[in-house]
Protein backbone atom coordinates (compact mmCIF):
# COMPACT_ATOMS: atom_id res chain seq x y z
CA UNK A 1 15.74 6.37 0.61
CA UNK A 2 14.32 9.82 1.08
CA UNK A 3 11.00 10.31 2.83
CA UNK A 4 9.14 13.61 2.94
CA UNK A 5 7.37 14.05 6.27
CA UNK A 6 4.60 16.39 7.30
CA UNK A 7 6.17 19.27 9.23
CA UNK A 8 4.36 18.46 12.47
CA UNK A 9 5.42 14.81 12.30
CA UNK A 10 9.00 15.77 11.59
CA UNK A 11 9.08 18.07 14.62
CA UNK A 12 7.61 15.34 16.85
CA UNK A 13 10.23 12.84 15.68
CA UNK A 14 13.03 15.35 16.28
CA UNK A 15 11.74 16.07 19.78
CA UNK A 16 11.50 12.38 20.68
CA UNK A 17 14.96 11.68 19.28
CA UNK A 18 16.50 14.55 21.25
CA UNK A 19 14.78 13.35 24.43
CA UNK A 20 16.56 10.01 24.03
CA UNK A 21 19.88 11.54 23.02
CA UNK A 22 19.70 10.19 19.47
CA UNK A 23 19.86 11.78 16.07
CA UNK A 24 16.57 11.86 14.21
CA UNK A 25 17.90 9.31 11.72
CA UNK A 26 18.96 6.90 14.49
CA UNK A 27 15.62 7.26 16.23
CA UNK A 28 13.56 6.72 13.07
CA UNK A 29 15.65 3.70 12.02
CA UNK A 30 15.23 2.14 15.47
CA UNK A 31 11.48 2.72 15.55
CA UNK A 32 10.97 1.43 12.00
CA UNK A 33 13.02 -1.63 12.89
CA UNK A 34 10.71 -2.31 15.83
CA UNK A 35 7.66 -1.87 13.60
CA UNK A 36 8.94 -4.28 10.96
CA UNK A 37 10.01 -6.85 13.54
CA UNK A 38 6.61 -6.82 15.26
CA UNK A 39 4.51 -7.14 12.08
CA UNK A 40 4.02 -10.68 10.79
CA UNK A 41 5.14 -11.14 7.22
CA UNK A 42 2.67 -12.65 4.78
CA UNK A 43 4.80 -15.79 4.59
CA UNK A 44 4.29 -16.37 8.33
CA UNK A 45 0.50 -16.49 7.98
CA UNK A 46 -1.21 -19.83 7.53
CA UNK A 47 -3.20 -20.29 4.30
CA UNK A 48 -6.57 -19.85 6.01
CA UNK A 49 -5.50 -16.53 7.53
CA UNK A 50 -4.11 -15.29 4.21
CA UNK A 51 -7.38 -16.27 2.47
CA UNK A 52 -9.44 -14.48 5.14
CA UNK A 53 -7.36 -11.32 4.79
CA UNK A 54 -7.64 -11.51 0.99
CA UNK A 55 -11.45 -11.84 1.18
CA UNK A 56 -11.62 -8.86 3.56
CA UNK A 57 -9.52 -6.82 1.14
CA UNK A 58 -11.70 -7.77 -1.83
CA UNK A 59 -14.92 -6.99 0.05
CA UNK A 60 -13.59 -3.59 1.13
CA UNK A 61 -12.97 -2.66 -2.52
CA UNK A 62 -16.25 -3.88 -4.00
CA UNK A 63 -17.73 -1.87 -6.87
CA UNK A 64 -21.48 -1.43 -6.83
CA UNK A 65 -21.69 -0.01 -10.34
CA UNK A 66 -23.55 -1.58 -13.24
CA UNK A 67 -21.83 -4.32 -15.24
CA UNK A 68 -20.16 -3.43 -18.52
CA UNK A 69 -22.06 -3.99 -21.73
CA UNK A 70 -21.02 -6.70 -24.18
CA UNK A 71 -19.75 -4.02 -26.55
CA UNK A 72 -17.62 -2.41 -23.81
CA UNK A 73 -15.62 -5.62 -23.44
CA UNK A 74 -15.61 -6.59 -27.11
CA UNK A 75 -12.59 -6.58 -29.37
CA UNK A 76 -14.17 -3.86 -31.49
CA UNK A 77 -14.31 -1.47 -28.55
CA UNK A 78 -10.71 -2.16 -27.56
CA UNK A 79 -9.04 -1.99 -30.97
CA UNK A 80 -9.86 0.77 -33.41
CA UNK A 81 -9.25 0.99 -37.13
CA UNK A 82 -6.34 3.33 -36.38
CA UNK A 83 -4.60 0.47 -34.58
CA UNK A 84 -4.87 -1.69 -37.71
CA UNK A 85 -3.09 0.98 -39.76
CA UNK A 86 0.02 0.89 -37.55
């Protein structure tokens, strides 16, 4: 895997790795391993917690626009005569 980092972040990671006597790759792998190990996977969450998180996600992406018209969701608006000719 190749990851492109912002220059300032890359320099910070290099400096921290050097301070611990590690290569940048070793340092980043170690730190990412810690991050993954400390984060609960979705399979470890109980159903209520997963549902709560899902509701929060849905609410944070709500659309306040007007509803679509009947024509906008009709077959006629989706398929054109050109599609019938194919």
